Amino acid sequence: MNDFQPLSYSDSATADRPWLASLVGVQDTNTITLDLTKFSSGTHYTAATSPFLQGRNVMKSGIPLGKVTASGLYAPYSGPTSETQTVTISGSPTGGTFTLTFSGQTTSAIAYNATAAVVQAALEALSNVAPGDVTVTGNAGGPYTVVFAGAYLSDDVSQMTASASLTGGSSPAVAVTTNTAGGAASASDGTQTLAGFLVDHIYFNPGSAKAAGALLWRGEIFAAKLPVPMDPTNIASTAPGVNIHYR
């Protein structure tokens, strides 16, 4: 099932594209066809749950894309992988703190019910973690998902360790697990080569296999504001003619 919809663009506003640093190239895009089976809900598009979406999914703008050699369709750029680790607090504590240690550096005490933003700030306060090197998501009290990007994108970093001084509950503890190890690009289907970025969000019906989009192949972007982590210094390869400047 294909889902090709009319596309329209504005040359005066970028409010819905915070990753776009300049309008240069926006009106000089290539029309492409996306292989929707290659994209993941939550990561690349938002599933239709709100009534105003009228049952349609929304592909996020700014998705880095590569061209599948065999089909000629476009799919997510399969560049370096960001390491993902999860911090889980068990035993339902009612008080106390915990710390996280990354590559020999230990955070200050973090409250048992801290928000993800507080955990991220604690990690960014370490001497070996700069803003943008980690992103922490999750509910207050965890589990917390820590994604390594920035200087650590594509690195198979050491797993963090945790130390806890928790109270209440039943044998409360903190554990760290690695969900996805960081690594260099491993795709060989063509998507390991960056072809450009999806210039604007598109709507498509659940179950559709293909949809039309527009490829931004030249211009300026804020790499840290892309919808998926990508470090320009770790791009495996770039397609001929692609001229993107990163800020």
C-alpha atoms as a PDB file:
ATOM      1  CA  MET A   1       0.000   0.000   0.000  1.00  0.00           C
ATOM      2  CA  ASN A   2       1.359   3.363  -1.014  1.00  0.00           C
ATOM      3  CA  ASP A   3       0.475   6.672   0.603  1.00  0.00           C
ATOM      4  CA  PHE A   4       1.487   9.631  -1.519  1.00  0.00           C
ATOM      5  CA  GLN A   5       0.197  12.967  -0.280  1.00  0.00           C
ATOM      6  CA  PRO A   6       0.563  16.524  -1.592  1.00  0.00           C
ATOM      7  CA  LEU A   7       3.503  18.317   0.015  1.00  0.00           C
ATOM      8  CA  SER A   8       3.718  22.026   0.782  1.00  0.00           C
ATOM      9  CA  TYR A   9       6.493  24.034   2.384  1.00  0.00           C
ATOM     10  CA  SER A  10       6.927  27.469   3.916  1.00  0.00           C
ATOM     11  CA  ASP A  11       9.986  29.615   3.293  1.00  0.00           C
ATOM     12  CA  SER A  12       9.235  31.950   6.181  1.00  0.00           C
ATOM     13  CA  ALA A  13       8.941  29.792   9.298  1.00  0.00           C
ATOM     14  CA  THR A  14      11.026  27.049  10.860  1.00  0.00           C
ATOM     15  CA  ALA A  15       9.189  26.762  14.181  1.00  0.00           C
ATOM     16  CA  ASP A  16       8.274  23.138  13.464  1.00  0.00           C
ATOM     17  CA  ARG A  17      11.853  22.354  12.353  1.00  0.00           C
ATOM     18  CA  PRO A  18      14.122  23.389  15.241  1.00  0.00           C
ATOM     19  CA  TRP A  19      16.986  21.431  13.680  1.00  0.00           C
ATOM     20  CA  LEU A  20      16.996  23.702  10.616  1.00  0.00           C
ATOM     21  CA  ALA A  21      19.656  26.418  10.991  1.00  0.00           C
ATOM     22  CA  SER A  22      19.058  28.104   7.636  1.00  0.00           C
ATOM     23  CA  LEU A  23      16.440  28.119   4.887  1.00  0.00           C
ATOM     24  CA  VAL A  24      19.176  27.593   2.318  1.00  0.00           C
ATOM     25  CA  GLY A  25      18.344  24.473   0.339  1.00  0.00           C
ATOM     26  CA  VAL A  26      14.753  24.147   1.550  1.00  0.00           C
ATOM     27  CA  GLN A  27      13.366  25.178  -1.833  1.00  0.00           C
ATOM     28  CA  ASP A  28      15.878  23.031  -3.719  1.00  0.00           C
ATOM     29  CA  THR A  29      14.967  19.581  -2.458  1.00  0.00           C
ATOM     30  CA  ASN A  30      14.586  16.257  -4.259  1.00  0.00           C
ATOM     31  CA  THR A  31      11.297  14.369  -4.229  1.00  0.00           C
ATOM     32  CA  ILE A  32      11.882  10.885  -2.837  1.00  0.00           C
ATOM     33  CA  THR A  33       9.928   7.796  -1.822  1.00  0.00           C
ATOM     34  CA  LEU A  34      10.257   6.486   1.714  1.00  0.00           C
ATOM     35  CA  ASP A  35      10.174   2.787   2.552  1.00  0.00           C
ATOM     36  CA  LEU A  36       7.902   3.100   5.582  1.00  0.00           C
ATOM     37  CA  THR A  37       8.591  -0.475   6.689  1.00  0.00           C
ATOM     38  CA  LYS A  38      12.106   0.623   7.677  1.00  0.00           C
ATOM     39  CA  PHE A  39      10.976   3.308  10.144  1.00  0.00           C
ATOM     40  CA  SER A  40      10.137   2.792  13.823  1.00  0.00           C
ATOM     41  CA  SER A  41       7.254   4.222  15.828  1.00  0.00           C
ATOM     42  CA  GLY A  42       8.414   6.600  18.531  1.00  0.00           C
ATOM     43  CA  THR A  43      11.887   6.979  17.074  1.00  0.00           C
ATOM     44  CA  HIS A  44      11.056   8.146  13.556  1.00  0.00           C
ATOM     45  CA  TYR A  45       7.335   8.831  13.639  1.00  0.00           C
ATOM     46  CA  THR A  46       4.528   9.479  16.079  1.00  0.00           C
ATOM     47  CA  ALA A  47       1.713   6.942  15.945  1.00  0.00           C
ATOM     48  CA  ALA A  48      -1.767   8.343  15.464  1.00  0.00           C
ATOM     49  CA  THR A  49      -3.382   8.478  18.899  1.00  0.00           C
ATOM     50  CA  SER A  50      -4.802  12.007  18.952  1.00  0.00           C
ATOM     51  CA  PRO A  51      -8.191  12.674  17.330  1.00  0.00           C
ATOM     52  CA  PHE A  52      -6.824  15.623  15.342  1.00  0.00           C
ATOM     53  CA  LEU A  53      -4.458  13.263  13.479  1.00  0.00           C
ATOM     54  CA  GLN A  54      -7.498  11.460  12.088  1.00  0.00           C
ATOM     55  CA  GLY A  55      -5.871   8.051  12.352  1.00  0.00           C
ATOM     56  CA  ARG A  56      -2.653   9.063  10.604  1.00  0.00           C
ATOM     57  CA  ASN A  57       0.955   8.685  11.675  1.00  0.00           C
ATOM     58  CA  VAL A  58       3.323  11.656  11.568  1.00  0.00           C
ATOM     59  CA  MET A  59       6.870  11.190  10.291  1.00  0.00           C
ATOM     60  CA  LYS A  60       9.195  13.601  12.069  1.00  0.00           C
ATOM     61  CA  SER A  61      11.086  16.196  10.069  1.00  0.00           C
ATOM     62  CA  GLY A  62      14.862  16.096  10.199  1.00  0.00           C
ATOM     63  CA  ILE A  63      15.215  12.303   9.994  1.00  0.00           C
ATOM     64  CA  PRO A  64      18.654  11.459   8.508  1.00  0.00           C
ATOM     65  CA  LEU A  65      18.127   9.295   5.431  1.00  0.00           C
ATOM     66  CA  GLY A  66      20.051   6.843   3.295  1.00  0.00           C
ATOM     67  CA  LYS A  67      19.111   5.275  -0.044  1.00  0.00           C
ATOM     68  CA  VAL A  68      18.551   1.522  -0.182  1.00  0.00           C
ATOM     69  CA  THR A  69      20.632   0.337  -3.143  1.00  0.00           C
ATOM     70  CA  ALA A  70      18.387  -2.570  -4.132  1.00  0.00           C
ATOM     71  CA  SER A  71      15.049  -0.716  -4.142  1.00  0.00           C
ATOM     72  CA  GLY A  72      16.018   2.917  -4.683  1.00  0.00           C
ATOM     73  CA  LEU A  73      13.767   3.828  -1.745  1.00  0.00           C
ATOM     74  CA  TYR A  74      14.862   5.875   1.252  1.00  0.00           C
ATOM     75  CA  ALA A  75      15.176   4.583   4.799  1.00  0.00           C
ATOM     76  CA  PRO A  76      16.747   5.800   8.058  1.00  0.00           C
ATOM     77  CA  TYR A  77      20.462   6.485   7.792  1.00  0.00           C
ATOM     78  CA  SER A  78      22.182   3.540   9.463  1.00  0.00           C
ATOM     79  CA  GLY A  79      25.181   5.363  10.787  1.00  0.00           C
ATOM     80  CA  PRO A  80      26.983   4.897  14.083  1.00  0.00           C
ATOM     81  CA  THR A  81      24.879   3.446  16.922  1.00  0.00           C
ATOM     82  CA  SER A  82      24.359   5.323  20.168  1.00  0.00           C
ATOM     83  CA  GLU A  83      24.901   3.271  23.312  1.00  0.00           C
ATOM     84  CA  THR A  84      21.804   3.007  25.493  1.00  0.00           C
ATOM     85  CA  GLN A  85      21.887   2.044  29.176  1.00  0.00           C
ATOM     86  CA  THR A  86      19.043   1.746  31.675  1.00  0.00           C
ATOM     87  CA  VAL A  87      19.171   2.674  35.352  1.00  0.00           C
ATOM     88  CA  THR A  88      16.521   0.826  37.365  1.00  0.00           C
ATOM     89  CA  ILE A  89      15.571   1.383  40.998  1.00  0.00           C
ATOM     90  CA  SER A  90      13.940  -1.667  42.581  1.00  0.00           C
ATOM     91  CA  GLY A  91      12.353  -2.380  45.941  1.00  0.00           C
ATOM     92  CA  SER A  92      10.058   0.683  46.032  1.00  0.00           C
ATOM     93  CA  PRO A  93      12.204   2.916  48.270  1.00  0.00           C
ATOM     94  CA  THR A  94      10.595   5.858  50.040  1.00  0.00           C
ATOM     95  CA  GLY A  95      13.767   7.843  50.646  1.00  0.00           C
ATOM     96  CA  GLY A  96      17.523   8.009  50.224  1.00  0.00           C
ATOM     97  CA  THR A  97      19.875   8.655  47.341  1.00  0.00           C
ATOM     98  CA  PHE A  98      22.054   6.933  44.760  1.00  0.00           C
ATOM     99  CA  THR A  99      25.076   7.796  42.642  1.00  0.00           C
ATOM    100  CA  LEU A 100      26.240   6.805  39.173  1.00  0.00           C
ATOM    101  CA  THR A 101      29.850   6.275  38.172  1.00  0.00           C
ATOM    102  CA  PHE A 102      30.956   6.657  34.556  1.00  0.00           C
ATOM    103  CA  SER A 103      34.556   6.010  33.525  1.00  0.00           C
ATOM    104  CA  GLY A 104      35.911   6.668  36.987  1.00  0.00           C
ATOM    105  CA  GLN A 105      33.847   9.783  37.698  1.00  0.00           C
ATOM    106  CA  THR A 106      31.021   9.653  40.244  1.00  0.00           C
ATOM    107  CA  THR A 107      27.987  11.923  40.363  1.00  0.00           C
ATOM    108  CA  SER A 108      26.771  13.794  43.390  1.00  0.00           C
ATOM    109  CA  ALA A 109      23.950  12.150  45.351  1.00  0.00           C
ATOM    110  CA  ILE A 110      20.732  11.785  43.358  1.00  0.00           C
ATOM    111  CA  ALA A 111      17.374  11.524  45.131  1.00  0.00           C
ATOM    112  CA  TYR A 112      15.551   8.193  44.873  1.00  0.00           C
ATOM    113  CA  ASN A 113      12.628   9.914  43.112  1.00  0.00           C
ATOM    114  CA  ALA A 114      14.637  12.297  40.930  1.00  0.00           C
ATOM    115  CA  THR A 115      13.342  13.317  37.524  1.00  0.00           C
ATOM    116  CA  ALA A 116      15.170  12.336  34.353  1.00  0.00           C
ATOM    117  CA  ALA A 117      16.309  15.957  33.978  1.00  0.00           C
ATOM    118  CA  VAL A 118      17.965  15.840  37.408  1.00  0.00           C
ATOM    119  CA  VAL A 119      19.780  12.598  36.550  1.00  0.00           C
ATOM    120  CA  GLN A 120      20.971  14.093  33.267  1.00  0.00           C
ATOM    121  CA  ALA A 121      22.209  17.226  35.037  1.00  0.00           C
ATOM    122  CA  ALA A 122      24.117  15.077  37.538  1.00  0.00           C
ATOM    123  CA  LEU A 123      25.852  13.215  34.725  1.00  0.00           C
ATOM    124  CA  GLU A 124      26.612  16.416  32.810  1.00  0.00           C
ATOM    125  CA  ALA A 125      28.292  17.791  35.939  1.00  0.00           C
ATOM    126  CA  LEU A 126      30.997  15.118  35.604  1.00  0.00           C
ATOM    127  CA  SER A 127      34.325  16.246  34.187  1.00  0.00           C
ATOM    128  CA  ASN A 128      34.131  13.674  31.388  1.00  0.00           C
ATOM    129  CA  VAL A 129      30.553  14.432  30.281  1.00  0.00           C
ATOM    130  CA  ALA A 130      29.631  17.619  28.430  1.00  0.00           C
ATOM    131  CA  PRO A 131      26.117  18.857  27.585  1.00  0.00           C
ATOM    132  CA  GLY A 132      24.905  16.806  24.630  1.00  0.00           C
ATOM    133  CA  ASP A 133      26.997  13.764  25.541  1.00  0.00           C
ATOM    134  CA  VAL A 134      24.066  12.070  27.304  1.00  0.00           C
ATOM    135  CA  THR A 135      20.298  12.286  27.121  1.00  0.00           C
ATOM    136  CA  VAL A 136      18.219  10.876  29.980  1.00  0.00           C
ATOM    137  CA  THR A 137      14.512  10.053  29.708  1.00  0.00           C
ATOM    138  CA  GLY A 138      12.056   8.245  31.962  1.00  0.00           C
ATOM    139  CA  ASN A 139       9.669   8.833  34.828  1.00  0.00           C
ATOM    140  CA  ALA A 140      10.604  10.308  38.191  1.00  0.00           C
ATOM    141  CA  GLY A 141      12.079   7.431  40.187  1.00  0.00           C
ATOM    142  CA  GLY A 142      13.013   5.578  36.998  1.00  0.00           C
ATOM    143  CA  PRO A 143      13.634   3.491  35.118  1.00  0.00           C
ATOM    144  CA  TYR A 144      15.913   5.998  33.383  1.00  0.00           C
ATOM    145  CA  THR A 145      17.130   5.500  29.841  1.00  0.00           C
ATOM    146  CA  VAL A 146      20.555   7.037  29.217  1.00  0.00           C
ATOM    147  CA  VAL A 147      21.550   7.549  25.579  1.00  0.00           C
ATOM    148  CA  PHE A 148      25.187   8.408  24.851  1.00  0.00           C
ATOM    149  CA  ALA A 149      25.716  10.839  21.981  1.00  0.00           C
ATOM    150  CA  GLY A 150      27.967  13.801  21.311  1.00  0.00           C
ATOM    151  CA  ALA A 151      31.568  12.829  22.027  1.00  0.00           C
ATOM    152  CA  TYR A 152      30.454   9.259  22.794  1.00  0.00           C
ATOM    153  CA  LEU A 153      28.306   8.580  19.736  1.00  0.00           C
ATOM    154  CA  SER A 154      29.416   5.286  18.112  1.00  0.00           C
ATOM    155  CA  ASP A 155      31.543   4.473  21.166  1.00  0.00           C
ATOM    156  CA  ASP A 156      31.062   1.212  23.036  1.00  0.00           C
ATOM    157  CA  VAL A 157      31.401   2.968  26.388  1.00  0.00           C
ATOM    158  CA  SER A 158      31.922   1.302  29.731  1.00  0.00           C
ATOM    159  CA  GLN A 159      28.739   0.411  31.544  1.00  0.00           C
ATOM    160  CA  MET A 160      27.984   2.777  34.389  1.00  0.00           C
ATOM    161  CA  THR A 161      27.888   1.451  37.922  1.00  0.00           C
ATOM    162  CA  ALA A 162      25.563   2.518  40.703  1.00  0.00           C
ATOM    163  CA  SER A 163      25.854   2.853  44.452  1.00  0.00           C
ATOM    164  CA  ALA A 164      22.760   3.328  46.583  1.00  0.00           C
ATOM    165  CA  SER A 165      21.846   4.485  50.062  1.00  0.00           C
ATOM    166  CA  LEU A 166      18.102   3.969  49.897  1.00  0.00           C
ATOM    167  CA  THR A 167      15.535   3.663  52.663  1.00  0.00           C
ATOM    168  CA  GLY A 168      12.078   2.146  52.986  1.00  0.00           C
ATOM    169  CA  GLY A 169      10.520  -0.322  50.649  1.00  0.00           C
ATOM    170  CA  SER A 170      11.760  -3.888  50.379  1.00  0.00           C
ATOM    171  CA  SER A 171      15.508  -4.357  49.847  1.00  0.00           C
ATOM    172  CA  PRO A 172      15.784  -1.295  47.576  1.00  0.00           C
ATOM    173  CA  ALA A 173      18.645  -1.275  45.077  1.00  0.00           C
ATOM    174  CA  VAL A 174      19.854   0.377  41.878  1.00  0.00           C
ATOM    175  CA  ALA A 175      21.078  -1.550  38.825  1.00  0.00           C
ATOM    176  CA  VAL A 176      22.481  -0.500  35.452  1.00  0.00           C
ATOM    177  CA  THR A 177      22.084  -2.564  32.284  1.00  0.00           C
ATOM    178  CA  THR A 178      23.241  -1.991  28.712  1.00  0.00           C
ATOM    179  CA  ASN A 179      20.427  -2.217  26.183  1.00  0.00           C
ATOM    180  CA  THR A 180      22.331  -1.291  23.036  1.00  0.00           C
ATOM    181  CA  ALA A 181      26.104  -1.151  22.732  1.00  0.00           C
ATOM    182  CA  GLY A 182      27.526   1.762  20.755  1.00  0.00           C
ATOM    183  CA  GLY A 183      29.258   0.982  17.508  1.00  0.00           C
ATOM    184  CA  ALA A 184      30.241   2.178  14.067  1.00  0.00           C
ATOM    185  CA  ALA A 185      27.923   1.890  11.078  1.00  0.00           C
ATOM    186  CA  SER A 186      27.369  -1.754  10.137  1.00  0.00           C
ATOM    187  CA  ALA A 187      24.729  -1.527   7.387  1.00  0.00           C
ATOM    188  CA  SER A 188      25.696  -2.627   3.894  1.00  0.00           C
ATOM    189  CA  ASP A 189      22.441  -1.983   2.004  1.00  0.00           C
ATOM    190  CA  GLY A 190      23.280   1.603   1.067  1.00  0.00           C
ATOM    191  CA  THR A 191      21.776   3.267   4.144  1.00  0.00           C
ATOM    192  CA  GLN A 192      25.242   3.508   5.684  1.00  0.00           C
ATOM    193  CA  THR A 193      25.745   6.486   3.336  1.00  0.00           C
ATOM    194  CA  LEU A 194      24.036   9.717   4.369  1.00  0.00           C
ATOM    195  CA  ALA A 195      21.825  11.011   1.543  1.00  0.00           C
ATOM    196  CA  GLY A 196      20.279  13.975   3.368  1.00  0.00           C
ATOM    197  CA  PHE A 197      17.429  14.813   5.710  1.00  0.00           C
ATOM    198  CA  LEU A 198      13.636  14.687   5.527  1.00  0.00           C
ATOM    199  CA  VAL A 199      12.909  18.376   5.145  1.00  0.00           C
ATOM    200  CA  ASP A 200       9.422  18.419   6.660  1.00  0.00           C
ATOM    201  CA  HIS A 201       7.099  16.126   8.562  1.00  0.00           C
ATOM    202  CA  ILE A 202       4.646  14.035   6.563  1.00  0.00           C
ATOM    203  CA  TYR A 203       1.414  12.231   7.404  1.00  0.00           C
ATOM    204  CA  PHE A 204       0.746   8.646   6.369  1.00  0.00           C
ATOM    205  CA  ASN A 205      -1.811   5.947   7.045  1.00  0.00           C
ATOM    206  CA  PRO A 206      -0.894   3.040   9.358  1.00  0.00           C
ATOM    207  CA  GLY A 207      -0.153   0.040   7.170  1.00  0.00           C
ATOM    208  CA  SER A 208       1.163   2.092   4.251  1.00  0.00           C
ATOM    209  CA  ALA A 209       4.371   0.739   2.739  1.00  0.00           C
ATOM    210  CA  LYS A 210       5.544   3.868   0.932  1.00  0.00           C
ATOM    211  CA  ALA A 211       5.108   7.623   1.106  1.00  0.00           C
ATOM    212  CA  ALA A 212       6.461  10.641  -0.721  1.00  0.00           C
ATOM    213  CA  GLY A 213       8.817  13.066   0.951  1.00  0.00           C
ATOM    214  CA  ALA A 214      11.365  15.764   0.197  1.00  0.00           C
ATOM    215  CA  LEU A 215      15.109  15.345   0.701  1.00  0.00           C
ATOM    216  CA  LEU A 216      17.230  18.215   1.973  1.00  0.00           C
ATOM    217  CA  TRP A 217      20.667  17.579   0.463  1.00  0.00           C
ATOM    218  CA  ARG A 218      22.263  20.975   1.024  1.00  0.00           C
ATOM    219  CA  GLY A 219      21.910  23.556   3.758  1.00  0.00           C
ATOM    220  CA  GLU A 220      22.682  24.154   7.426  1.00  0.00           C
ATOM    221  CA  ILE A 221      21.340  22.255  10.420  1.00  0.00           C
ATOM    222  CA  PHE A 222      21.687  22.113  14.186  1.00  0.00           C
ATOM    223  CA  ALA A 223      22.879  18.536  14.668  1.00  0.00           C
ATOM    224  CA  ALA A 224      22.019  18.477  18.386  1.00  0.00           C
ATOM    225  CA  LYS A 225      18.358  19.248  17.608  1.00  0.00           C
ATOM    226  CA  LEU A 226      17.755  16.421  15.147  1.00  0.00           C
ATOM    227  CA  PRO A 227      14.987  14.001  16.190  1.00  0.00           C
ATOM    228  CA  VAL A 228      17.484  11.109  16.382  1.00  0.00           C
ATOM    229  CA  PRO A 229      21.033  11.348  17.793  1.00  0.00           C
ATOM    230  CA  MET A 230      23.675  11.979  15.159  1.00  0.00           C
ATOM    231  CA  ASP A 231      27.204  13.314  15.523  1.00  0.00           C
ATOM    232  CA  PRO A 232      28.459  14.886  12.260  1.00  0.00           C
ATOM    233  CA  THR A 233      32.044  13.962  13.143  1.00  0.00           C
ATOM    234  CA  ASN A 234      31.058  10.278  13.076  1.00  0.00           C
ATOM    235  CA  ILE A 235      29.237  10.128   9.742  1.00  0.00           C
ATOM    236  CA  ALA A 236      30.371   6.959   7.977  1.00  0.00           C
ATOM    237  CA  SER A 237      30.041   8.308   4.428  1.00  0.00           C
ATOM    238  CA  THR A 238      28.076  10.908   2.474  1.00  0.00           C
ATOM    239  CA  ALA A 239      26.461  10.549  -0.947  1.00  0.00           C
ATOM    240  CA  PRO A 240      27.933  12.549  -3.854  1.00  0.00           C
ATOM    241  CA  GLY A 241      26.483  16.046  -4.092  1.00  0.00           C
ATOM    242  CA  VAL A 242      25.328  16.220  -0.492  1.00  0.00           C
ATOM    243  CA  ASN A 243      26.516  19.485   1.033  1.00  0.00           C
ATOM    244  CA  ILE A 244      25.330  19.903   4.615  1.00  0.00           C
ATOM    245  CA  HIS A 245      26.928  22.232   7.125  1.00  0.00           C
ATOM    246  CA  TYR A 246      26.475  21.485  10.813  1.00  0.00           C
ATOM    247  CA  ARG A 247      26.288  23.866  13.748  1.00  0.00           C
END
